[in-house]
PDB file of N, CA and C in Angstrom:
ATOM      1  N   THR A   1      78.894  -7.425  34.826  1.00  0.00           N
ATOM      2  CA  THR A   1      80.323  -7.233  35.023  1.00  0.00           C
ATOM      3  C   THR A   1      80.553  -6.299  36.200  1.00  0.00           C
ATOM      4  N   SER A   2      81.775  -6.272  36.689  1.00  0.00           N
ATOM      5  CA  SER A   2      82.077  -5.369  37.803  1.00  0.00           C
ATOM      6  C   SER A   2      81.974  -3.907  37.368  1.00  0.00           C
ATOM      7  N   ASP A   3      82.292  -3.629  36.110  1.00  0.00           N
ATOM      8  CA  ASP A   3      82.170  -2.244  35.622  1.00  0.00           C
ATOM      9  C   ASP A   3      80.722  -1.771  35.601  1.00  0.00           C
ATOM     10  N   SER A   4      79.813  -2.632  35.159  1.00  0.00           N
ATOM     11  CA  SER A   4      78.403  -2.231  35.128  1.00  0.00           C
ATOM     12  C   SER A   4      77.848  -2.101  36.545  1.00  0.00           C
ATOM     13  N   PHE A   5      78.295  -2.973  37.464  1.00  0.00           N
ATOM     14  CA  PHE A   5      77.876  -2.851  38.861  1.00  0.00           C
ATOM     15  C   PHE A   5      78.362  -1.527  39.439  1.00  0.00           C
ATOM     16  N   LEU A   6      79.634  -1.199  39.181  1.00  0.00           N
ATOM     17  CA  LEU A   6      80.196   0.046  39.707  1.00  0.00           C
ATOM     18  C   LEU A   6      79.438   1.257  39.180  1.00  0.00           C
ATOM     19  N   GLU A   7      79.091   1.238  37.911  1.00  0.00           N
ATOM     20  CA  GLU A   7      78.324   2.347  37.335  1.00  0.00           C
ATOM     21  C   GLU A   7      76.969   2.489  38.035  1.00  0.00           C
ATOM     22  N   CYS A   8      76.267   1.376  38.230  1.00  0.00           N
ATOM     23  CA  CYS A   8      74.964   1.420  38.920  1.00  0.00           C
ATOM     24  C   CYS A   8      75.122   1.898  40.360  1.00  0.00           C
ATOM     25  N   PHE A   9      76.142   1.376  41.040  1.00  0.00           N
ATOM     26  CA  PHE A   9      76.390   1.756  42.427  1.00  0.00           C
ATOM     27  C   PHE A   9      76.660   3.257  42.532  1.00  0.00           C
ATOM     28  N   ARG A  10      77.513   3.759  41.679  1.00  0.00           N
ATOM     29  CA  ARG A  10      77.826   5.190  41.715  1.00  0.00           C
ATOM     30  C   ARG A  10      76.607   6.041  41.349  1.00  0.00           C
ATOM     31  N   ASN A  11      75.780   5.567  40.441  1.00  0.00           N
ATOM     32  CA  ASN A  11      74.543   6.286  40.125  1.00  0.00           C
ATOM     33  C   ASN A  11      73.605   6.315  41.330  1.00  0.00           C
ATOM     34  N   ASN A  12      73.568   5.206  42.087  1.00  0.00           N
ATOM     35  CA  ASN A  12      72.756   5.189  43.312  1.00  0.00           C
ATOM     36  C   ASN A  12      73.266   6.211  44.316  1.00  0.00           C
ATOM     37  N   LEU A  13      74.580   6.337  44.432  1.00  0.00           N
ATOM     38  CA  LEU A  13      75.145   7.332  45.341  1.00  0.00           C
ATOM     39  C   LEU A  13      74.779   8.745  44.893  1.00  0.00           C
ATOM     40  N   LEU A  14      74.839   8.988  43.599  1.00  0.00           N
ATOM     41  CA  LEU A  14      74.424  10.300  43.085  1.00  0.00           C
ATOM     42  C   LEU A  14      72.960  10.583  43.398  1.00  0.00           C
ATOM     43  N   ASP A  15      72.122   9.538  43.326  1.00  0.00           N
ATOM     44  CA  ASP A  15      70.693   9.697  43.623  1.00  0.00           C
ATOM     45  C   ASP A  15      70.451  10.175  45.048  1.00  0.00           C
ATOM     46  N   ILE A  16      71.361   9.843  45.959  1.00  0.00           N
ATOM     47  CA  ILE A  16      71.194  10.267  47.355  1.00  0.00           C
ATOM     48  C   ILE A  16      72.171  11.383  47.724  1.00  0.00           C
ATOM     49  N   ASN A  17      72.681  12.064  46.675  1.00  0.00           N
ATOM     50  CA  ASN A  17      73.562  13.223  46.847  1.00  0.00           C
ATOM     51  C   ASN A  17      74.865  12.918  47.582  1.00  0.00           C
ATOM     52  N   VAL A  18      75.457  11.768  47.272  1.00  0.00           N
ATOM     53  CA  VAL A  18      76.759  11.392  47.830  1.00  0.00           C
ATOM     54  C   VAL A  18      77.759  11.358  46.681  1.00  0.00           C
ATOM     55  N   ASP A  19      78.897  12.007  46.882  1.00  0.00           N
ATOM     56  CA  ASP A  19      79.942  12.022  45.860  1.00  0.00           C
ATOM     57  C   ASP A  19      80.447  10.588  45.642  1.00  0.00           C
ATOM     58  N   PRO A  20      80.298  10.030  44.451  1.00  0.00           N
ATOM     59  CA  PRO A  20      80.666   8.633  44.219  1.00  0.00           C
ATOM     60  C   PRO A  20      82.151   8.402  43.957  1.00  0.00           C
ATOM     61  N   ARG A  21      82.925   9.468  43.753  1.00  0.00           N
ATOM     62  CA  ARG A  21      84.332   9.286  43.369  1.00  0.00           C
ATOM     63  C   ARG A  21      85.163   8.467  44.349  1.00  0.00           C
ATOM     64  N   PRO A  22      84.969   8.597  45.672  1.00  0.00           N
ATOM     65  CA  PRO A  22      85.814   7.806  46.578  1.00  0.00           C
ATOM     66  C   PRO A  22      85.409   6.338  46.697  1.00  0.00           C
ATOM     67  N   TYR A  23      84.311   5.940  46.069  1.00  0.00           N
ATOM     68  CA  TYR A  23      83.780   4.598  46.287  1.00  0.00           C
ATOM     69  C   TYR A  23      84.044   3.672  45.100  1.00  0.00           C
ATOM     70  N   GLY A  24      84.403   2.451  45.440  1.00  0.00           N
ATOM     71  CA  GLY A  24      84.637   1.428  44.425  1.00  0.00           C
ATOM     72  C   GLY A  24      83.930   0.145  44.812  1.00  0.00           C
ATOM     73  N   THR A  25      84.420  -0.957  44.309  1.00  0.00           N
ATOM     74  CA  THR A  25      83.770  -2.246  44.552  1.00  0.00           C
ATOM     75  C   THR A  25      84.509  -3.119  45.565  1.00  0.00           C
ATOM     76  N   HIS A  26      85.650  -2.662  46.055  1.00  0.00           N
ATOM     77  CA  HIS A  26      86.455  -3.510  46.938  1.00  0.00           C
ATOM     78  C   HIS A  26      85.733  -3.872  48.228  1.00  0.00           C
ATOM     79  N   SER A  27      84.983  -2.938  48.792  1.00  0.00           N
ATOM     80  CA  SER A  27      84.253  -3.223  50.036  1.00  0.00           C
ATOM     81  C   SER A  27      83.242  -4.343  49.843  1.00  0.00           C
ATOM     82  N   PHE A  28      82.686  -4.441  48.660  1.00  0.00           N
ATOM     83  CA  PHE A  28      81.728  -5.505  48.391  1.00  0.00           C
ATOM     84  C   PHE A  28      82.425  -6.867  48.355  1.00  0.00           C
ATOM     85  N   ARG A  29      83.656  -6.892  47.884  1.00  0.00           N
ATOM     86  CA  ARG A  29      84.400  -8.158  47.866  1.00  0.00           C
ATOM     87  C   ARG A  29      84.687  -8.609  49.297  1.00  0.00           C
ATOM     88  N   ARG A  30      85.111  -7.657  50.126  1.00  0.00           N
ATOM     89  CA  ARG A  30      85.384  -7.997  51.528  1.00  0.00           C
ATOM     90  C   ARG A  30      84.100  -8.439  52.228  1.00  0.00           C
ATOM     91  N   GLY A  31      83.038  -7.661  52.040  1.00  0.00           N
ATOM     92  CA  GLY A  31      81.756  -8.014  52.654  1.00  0.00           C
ATOM     93  C   GLY A  31      81.235  -9.338  52.141  1.00  0.00           C
ATOM     94  N   GLY A  32      81.445  -9.607  50.860  1.00  0.00           N
ATOM     95  CA  GLY A  32      81.023 -10.888  50.291  1.00  0.00           C
ATOM     96  C   GLY A  32      81.751 -12.052  50.918  1.00  0.00           C
ATOM     97  N   CYS A  33      83.049 -11.899  51.127  1.00  0.00           N
ATOM     98  CA  CYS A  33      83.835 -12.966  51.766  1.00  0.00           C
ATOM     99  C   CYS A  33      83.354 -13.211  53.188  1.00  0.00           C
ATOM    100  N   GLN A  34      83.129 -12.126  53.920  1.00  0.00           N
ATOM    101  CA  GLN A  34      82.660 -12.276  55.295  1.00  0.00           C
ATOM    102  C   GLN A  34      81.281 -12.929  55.329  1.00  0.00           C
ATOM    103  N   PHE A  35      80.404 -12.542  54.429  1.00  0.00           N
ATOM    104  CA  PHE A  35      79.072 -13.143  54.360  1.00  0.00           C
ATOM    105  C   PHE A  35      79.161 -14.635  54.033  1.00  0.00           C
ATOM    106  N   LEU A  36      79.962 -14.969  53.029  1.00  0.00           N
ATOM    107  CA  LEU A  36      80.069 -16.377  52.632  1.00  0.00           C
ATOM    108  C   LEU A  36      80.617 -17.244  53.756  1.00  0.00           C
ATOM    109  N   HIS A  37      81.544 -16.697  54.523  1.00  0.00           N
ATOM    110  CA  HIS A  37      82.123 -17.495  55.610  1.00  0.00           C
ATOM    111  C   HIS A  37      81.211 -17.561  56.832  1.00  0.00           C
ATOM    112  N   THR A  38      80.730 -16.394  57.295  1.00  0.00           N
ATOM    113  CA  THR A  38      79.981 -16.384  58.557  1.00  0.00           C
ATOM    114  C   THR A  38      78.525 -16.798  58.408  1.00  0.00           C
ATOM    115  N   VAL A  39      77.888 -16.409  57.311  1.00  0.00           N
ATOM    116  CA  VAL A  39      76.463 -16.703  57.146  1.00  0.00           C
ATOM    117  C   VAL A  39      76.242 -17.996  56.375  1.00  0.00           C
ATOM    118  N   ARG A  40      76.958 -18.155  55.282  1.00  0.00           N
ATOM    119  CA  ARG A  40      76.763 -19.345  54.439  1.00  0.00           C
ATOM    120  C   ARG A  40      77.623 -20.529  54.863  1.00  0.00           C
ATOM    121  N   GLY A  41      78.623 -20.282  55.705  1.00  0.00           N
ATOM    122  CA  GLY A  41      79.453 -21.370  56.222  1.00  0.00           C
ATOM    123  C   GLY A  41      80.463 -21.928  55.222  1.00  0.00           C
ATOM    124  N   TRP A  42      80.830 -21.133  54.224  1.00  0.00           N
ATOM    125  CA  TRP A  42      81.810 -21.604  53.244  1.00  0.00           C
ATOM    126  C   TRP A  42      83.177 -21.755  53.903  1.00  0.00           C
ATOM    127  N   SER A  43      83.920 -22.736  53.480  1.00  0.00           N
ATOM    128  CA  SER A  43      85.288 -22.923  53.971  1.00  0.00           C
ATOM    129  C   SER A  43      86.207 -21.885  53.330  1.00  0.00           C
ATOM    130  N   PHE A  44      87.375 -21.668  53.947  1.00  0.00           N
ATOM    131  CA  PHE A  44      88.348 -20.735  53.386  1.00  0.00           C
ATOM    132  C   PHE A  44      88.770 -21.163  51.990  1.00  0.00           C
ATOM    133  N   ARG A  45      88.961 -22.447  51.808  1.00  0.00           N
ATOM    134  CA  ARG A  45      89.384 -22.962  50.499  1.00  0.00           C
ATOM    135  C   ARG A  45      88.332 -22.658  49.424  1.00  0.00           C
ATOM    136  N   LYS A  46      87.057 -22.819  49.776  1.00  0.00           N
ATOM    137  CA  LYS A  46      85.990 -22.552  48.812  1.00  0.00           C
ATOM    138  C   LYS A  46      85.927 -21.064  48.468  1.00  0.00           C
ATOM    139  N   ILE A  47      86.111 -20.208  49.481  1.00  0.00           N
ATOM    140  CA  ILE A  47      86.107 -18.771  49.233  1.00  0.00           C
ATOM    141  C   ILE A  47      87.294 -18.377  48.357  1.00  0.00           C
ATOM    142  N   CYS A  48      88.459 -18.967  48.611  1.00  0.00           N
ATOM    143  CA  CYS A  48      89.639 -18.696  47.780  1.00  0.00           C
ATOM    144  C   CYS A  48      89.381 -19.097  46.337  1.00  0.00           C
ATOM    145  N   ASP A  49      88.735 -20.225  46.149  1.00  0.00           N
ATOM    146  CA  ASP A  49      88.414 -20.676  44.801  1.00  0.00           C
ATOM    147  C   ASP A  49      87.440 -19.704  44.136  1.00  0.00           C
ATOM    148  N   TRP A  50      86.415 -19.295  44.871  1.00  0.00           N
ATOM    149  CA  TRP A  50      85.426 -18.348  44.366  1.00  0.00           C
ATOM    150  C   TRP A  50      86.075 -17.008  44.006  1.00  0.00           C
ATOM    151  N   GLY A  51      86.994 -16.539  44.854  1.00  0.00           N
ATOM    152  CA  GLY A  51      87.627 -15.243  44.629  1.00  0.00           C
ATOM    153  C   GLY A  51      88.798 -15.278  43.668  1.00  0.00           C
ATOM    154  N   GLY A  52      89.211 -16.496  43.270  1.00  0.00           N
ATOM    155  CA  GLY A  52      90.346 -16.616  42.368  1.00  0.00           C
ATOM    156  C   GLY A  52      91.689 -16.401  43.050  1.00  0.00           C
ATOM    157  N   TRP A  53      91.752 -16.655  44.353  1.00  0.00           N
ATOM    158  CA  TRP A  53      92.996 -16.488  45.106  1.00  0.00           C
ATOM    159  C   TRP A  53      93.581 -17.843  45.441  1.00  0.00           C
ATOM    160  N   ALA A  54      94.873 -17.924  45.422  1.00  0.00           N
ATOM    161  CA  ALA A  54      95.631 -19.080  45.932  1.00  0.00           C
ATOM    162  C   ALA A  54      95.048 -20.405  45.472  1.00  0.00           C
ATOM    163  N   GLU A  55      95.172 -20.670  44.182  1.00  0.00           N
ATOM    164  CA  GLU A  55      94.624 -21.915  43.641  1.00  0.00           C
ATOM    165  C   GLU A  55      95.130 -23.141  44.397  1.00  0.00           C
ATOM    166  N   ASN A  56      96.365 -23.090  44.821  1.00  0.00           N
ATOM    167  CA  ASN A  56      96.930 -24.212  45.572  1.00  0.00           C
ATOM    168  C   ASN A  56      96.865 -23.984  47.076  1.00  0.00           C
ATOM    169  N   PHE A  57      96.175 -22.941  47.466  1.00  0.00           N
ATOM    170  CA  PHE A  57      96.050 -22.548  48.876  1.00  0.00           C
ATOM    171  C   PHE A  57      97.434 -22.372  49.499  1.00  0.00           C
ATOM    172  N   ASP A  58      98.369 -21.843  48.671  1.00  0.00           N
ATOM    173  CA  ASP A  58      99.743 -21.672  49.137  1.00  0.00           C
ATOM    174  C   ASP A  58      99.980 -20.333  49.829  1.00  0.00           C
ATOM    175  N   ASN A  59      98.997 -19.443  49.798  1.00  0.00           N
ATOM    176  CA  ASN A  59      99.121 -18.152  50.470  1.00  0.00           C
ATOM    177  C   ASN A  59      97.794 -17.808  51.146  1.00  0.00           C
ATOM    178  N   PRO A  60      97.468 -18.493  52.238  1.00  0.00           N
ATOM    179  CA  PRO A  60      96.171 -18.249  52.892  1.00  0.00           C
ATOM    180  C   PRO A  60      96.049 -16.853  53.497  1.00  0.00           C
ATOM    181  N   GLY A  61      97.154 -16.103  53.590  1.00  0.00           N
ATOM    182  CA  GLY A  61      97.083 -14.746  54.128  1.00  0.00           C
ATOM    183  C   GLY A  61      96.164 -13.847  53.325  1.00  0.00           C
ATOM    184  N   THR A  62      96.033 -14.130  52.032  1.00  0.00           N
ATOM    185  CA  THR A  62      95.175 -13.314  51.174  1.00  0.00           C
ATOM    186  C   THR A  62      93.739 -13.323  51.677  1.00  0.00           C
ATOM    187  N   ILE A  63      93.231 -14.496  51.975  1.00  0.00           N
ATOM    188  CA  ILE A  63      91.837 -14.601  52.402  1.00  0.00           C
ATOM    189  C   ILE A  63      91.617 -13.935  53.758  1.00  0.00           C
ATOM    190  N   PHE A  64      92.608 -14.005  54.639  1.00  0.00           N
ATOM    191  CA  PHE A  64      92.417 -13.445  55.970  1.00  0.00           C
ATOM    192  C   PHE A  64      92.337 -11.926  55.960  1.00  0.00           C
ATOM    193  N   LYS A  65      92.976 -11.273  54.991  1.00  0.00           N
ATOM    194  CA  LYS A  65      92.848  -9.815  54.942  1.00  0.00           C
ATOM    195  C   LYS A  65      91.439  -9.404  54.527  1.00  0.00           C
ATOM    196  N   TYR A  66      90.714 -10.317  53.898  1.00  0.00           N
ATOM    197  CA  TYR A  66      89.327 -10.033  53.537  1.00  0.00           C
ATOM    198  C   TYR A  66      88.360 -10.411  54.654  1.00  0.00           C
ATOM    199  N   LEU A  67      88.757 -11.336  55.497  1.00  0.00           N
ATOM    200  CA  LEU A  67      87.872 -11.790  56.564  1.00  0.00           C
ATOM    201  C   LEU A  67      88.073 -11.047  57.871  1.00  0.00           C
ATOM    202  N   LEU A  68      89.275 -10.551  58.106  1.00  0.00           N
ATOM    203  CA  LEU A  68      89.588  -9.901  59.376  1.00  0.00           C
ATOM    204  C   LEU A  68      90.141  -8.511  59.138  1.00  0.00           C
ATOM    205  N   SER A  69      89.887  -7.622  60.080  1.00  0.00           N
ATOM    206  CA  SER A  69      90.408  -6.265  60.000  1.00  0.00           C
ATOM    207  C   SER A  69      90.795  -5.814  61.398  1.00  0.00           C
ATOM    208  N   TRP A  70      91.695  -4.849  61.480  1.00  0.00           N
ATOM    209  CA  TRP A  70      92.137  -4.346  62.777  1.00  0.00           C
ATOM    210  C   TRP A  70      90.980  -3.761  63.572  1.00  0.00           C
ATOM    211  N   ASN A  71      89.940  -3.306  62.909  1.00  0.00           N
ATOM    212  CA  ASN A  71      88.848  -2.657  63.639  1.00  0.00           C
ATOM    213  C   ASN A  71      87.619  -3.538  63.811  1.00  0.00           C
ATOM    214  N   ASP A  72      87.728  -4.820  63.486  1.00  0.00           N
ATOM    215  CA  ASP A  72      86.603  -5.724  63.717  1.00  0.00           C
ATOM    216  C   ASP A  72      86.387  -5.912  65.211  1.00  0.00           C
ATOM    217  N   ASN A  73      85.147  -5.980  65.584  1.00  0.00           N
ATOM    218  CA  ASN A  73      84.803  -6.198  66.984  1.00  0.00           C
ATOM    219  C   ASN A  73      83.836  -7.375  67.048  1.00  0.00           C
ATOM    220  N   PRO A  74      84.351  -8.569  67.362  1.00  0.00           N
ATOM    221  CA  PRO A  74      83.472  -9.737  67.381  1.00  0.00           C
ATOM    222  C   PRO A  74      82.384  -9.678  68.441  1.00  0.00           C
ATOM    223  N   ALA A  75      82.534  -8.775  69.415  1.00  0.00           N
ATOM    224  CA  ALA A  75      81.519  -8.664  70.461  1.00  0.00           C
ATOM    225  C   ALA A  75      80.383  -7.729  70.070  1.00  0.00           C
ATOM    226  N   GLU A  76      80.529  -7.015  68.952  1.00  0.00           N
ATOM    227  CA  GLU A  76      79.477  -6.076  68.545  1.00  0.00           C
ATOM    228  C   GLU A  76      78.259  -6.841  68.035  1.00  0.00           C
ATOM    229  N   ALA A  77      77.101  -6.412  68.491  1.00  0.00           N
ATOM    230  CA  ALA A  77      75.860  -7.070  68.088  1.00  0.00           C
ATOM    231  C   ALA A  77      75.600  -6.844  66.597  1.00  0.00           C
ATOM    232  N   ARG A  78      75.153  -7.877  65.918  1.00  0.00           N
ATOM    233  CA  ARG A  78      74.925  -7.818  64.474  1.00  0.00           C
ATOM    234  C   ARG A  78      73.956  -6.696  64.075  1.00  0.00           C
ATOM    235  N   GLU A  79      72.956  -6.419  64.926  1.00  0.00           N
ATOM    236  CA  GLU A  79      71.972  -5.383  64.586  1.00  0.00           C
ATOM    237  C   GLU A  79      72.593  -3.983  64.593  1.00  0.00           C
ATOM    238  N   HIS A  80      73.800  -3.840  65.132  1.00  0.00           N
ATOM    239  CA  HIS A  80      74.468  -2.541  65.152  1.00  0.00           C
ATOM    240  C   HIS A  80      75.324  -2.291  63.914  1.00  0.00           C
ATOM    241  N   TYR A  81      75.549  -3.298  63.092  1.00  0.00           N
ATOM    242  CA  TYR A  81      76.469  -3.157  61.955  1.00  0.00           C
ATOM    243  C   TYR A  81      76.151  -1.954  61.086  1.00  0.00           C
ATOM    244  N   MET A  82      74.900  -1.742  60.733  1.00  0.00           N
ATOM    245  CA  MET A  82      74.523  -0.638  59.852  1.00  0.00           C
ATOM    246  C   MET A  82      73.672   0.404  60.578  1.00  0.00           C
ATOM    247  N   ASN A  83      73.685   0.400  61.894  1.00  0.00           N
ATOM    248  CA  ASN A  83      72.881   1.307  62.692  1.00  0.00           C
ATOM    249  C   ASN A  83      73.676   2.586  62.980  1.00  0.00           C
ATOM    250  N   PRO A  84      73.287   3.717  62.401  1.00  0.00           N
ATOM    251  CA  PRO A  84      74.036   4.956  62.649  1.00  0.00           C
ATOM    252  C   PRO A  84      73.908   5.454  64.085  1.00  0.00           C
ATOM    253  N   ASN A  85      72.952   4.935  64.835  1.00  0.00           N
ATOM    254  CA  ASN A  85      72.748   5.358  66.226  1.00  0.00           C
ATOM    255  C   ASN A  85      73.303   4.361  67.229  1.00  0.00           C
ATOM    256  N   ARG A  86      74.134   3.451  66.774  1.00  0.00           N
ATOM    257  CA  ARG A  86      74.693   2.445  67.685  1.00  0.00           C
ATOM    258  C   ARG A  86      75.636   3.104  68.692  1.00  0.00           C
ATOM    259  N   PRO A  87      75.919   2.383  69.762  1.00  0.00           N
ATOM    260  CA  PRO A  87      76.816   2.947  70.780  1.00  0.00           C
ATOM    261  C   PRO A  87      78.166   3.316  70.180  1.00  0.00           C
ATOM    262  N   GLY A  88      78.791   4.340  70.762  1.00  0.00           N
ATOM    263  CA  GLY A  88      80.099   4.792  70.282  1.00  0.00           C
ATOM    264  C   GLY A  88      81.190   3.761  70.488  1.00  0.00           C
ATOM    265  N   CYS A  89      82.350   4.052  69.941  1.00  0.00           N
ATOM    266  CA  CYS A  89      83.496   3.159  70.067  1.00  0.00           C
ATOM    267  C   CYS A  89      84.725   4.011  70.324  1.00  0.00           C
ATOM    268  N   ASP A  90      85.865   3.372  70.495  1.00  0.00           N
ATOM    269  CA  ASP A  90      87.117   4.104  70.642  1.00  0.00           C
ATOM    270  C   ASP A  90      87.429   4.830  69.337  1.00  0.00           C
ATOM    271  N   PRO A  91      88.081   5.961  69.414  1.00  0.00           N
ATOM    272  CA  PRO A  91      88.423   6.691  68.180  1.00  0.00           C
ATOM    273  C   PRO A  91      89.280   5.847  67.239  1.00  0.00           C
ATOM    274  N   CYS A  92      89.003   5.971  65.975  1.00  0.00           N
ATOM    275  CA  CYS A  92      89.730   5.276  64.920  1.00  0.00           C
ATOM    276  C   CYS A  92      91.132   5.870  64.815  1.00  0.00           C
ATOM    277  N   TYR A  93      92.148   5.027  64.762  1.00  0.00           N
ATOM    278  CA  TYR A  93      93.506   5.572  64.647  1.00  0.00           C
ATOM    279  C   TYR A  93      93.765   6.123  63.253  1.00  0.00           C
ATOM    280  N   SER A  94      92.923   5.781  62.299  1.00  0.00           N
ATOM    281  CA  SER A  94      93.105   6.250  60.931  1.00  0.00           C
ATOM    282  C   SER A  94      92.490   7.628  60.722  1.00  0.00           C
ATOM    283  N   CYS A  95      91.227   7.801  61.160  1.00  0.00           N
ATOM    284  CA  CYS A  95      90.535   9.053  60.885  1.00  0.00           C
ATOM    285  C   CYS A  95      90.278   9.882  62.138  1.00  0.00           C
ATOM    286  N   GLY A  96      90.428   9.281  63.325  1.00  0.00           N
ATOM    287  CA  GLY A  96      90.225  10.010  64.570  1.00  0.00           C
ATOM    288  C   GLY A  96      88.802  10.131  65.036  1.00  0.00           C
ATOM    289  N   ARG A  97      87.853   9.625  64.235  1.00  0.00           N
ATOM    290  CA  ARG A  97      86.434   9.694  64.599  1.00  0.00           C
ATOM    291  C   ARG A  97      86.007   8.394  65.269  1.00  0.00           C
ATOM    292  N   THR A  98      84.823   8.423  65.865  1.00  0.00           N
ATOM    293  CA  THR A  98      84.240   7.206  66.431  1.00  0.00           C
ATOM    294  C   THR A  98      83.145   6.720  65.490  1.00  0.00           C
ATOM    295  N   CYS A  99      83.540   6.473  64.253  1.00  0.00           N
ATOM    296  CA  CYS A  99      82.567   6.209  63.195  1.00  0.00           C
ATOM    297  C   CYS A  99      82.515   4.755  62.775  1.00  0.00           C
ATOM    298  N   HIS A 100      83.281   3.891  63.360  1.00  0.00           N
ATOM    299  CA  HIS A 100      83.323   2.483  62.970  1.00  0.00           C
ATOM    300  C   HIS A 100      83.761   2.324  61.516  1.00  0.00           C
ATOM    301  N   CYS A 101      84.596   3.230  61.034  1.00  0.00           N
ATOM    302  CA  CYS A 101      85.034   3.127  59.639  1.00  0.00           C
ATOM    303  C   CYS A 101      86.029   1.980  59.493  1.00  0.00           C
ATOM    304  N   GLY A 102      86.359   1.667  58.304  1.00  0.00           N
ATOM    305  CA  GLY A 102      87.313   0.579  58.142  1.00  0.00           C
ATOM    306  C   GLY A 102      87.763   0.501  56.761  1.00  0.00           C
TER     307      GLY A 102
END
């Protein structure tokens, strides 16, 4: 269940001395949608069905908020996604850092 996953995830964060309170499961849903579309080649309709959104595909905006973000950079190399030493970026308008947050 999502509750048991969240408990395990937060325990993993505690294991590496990271405060788990600010973290939930929503990022995994967004990352899952992006993975299913870009890597697995799933159609938007299939992802909506999987996620339980827009059974009649009457509100496709829901899926796009999971696939696209204001801070996505399609030109960024895939190997930089989780690289803490990757090249800097413009400051985030939300937090002011160049941390690639989102």
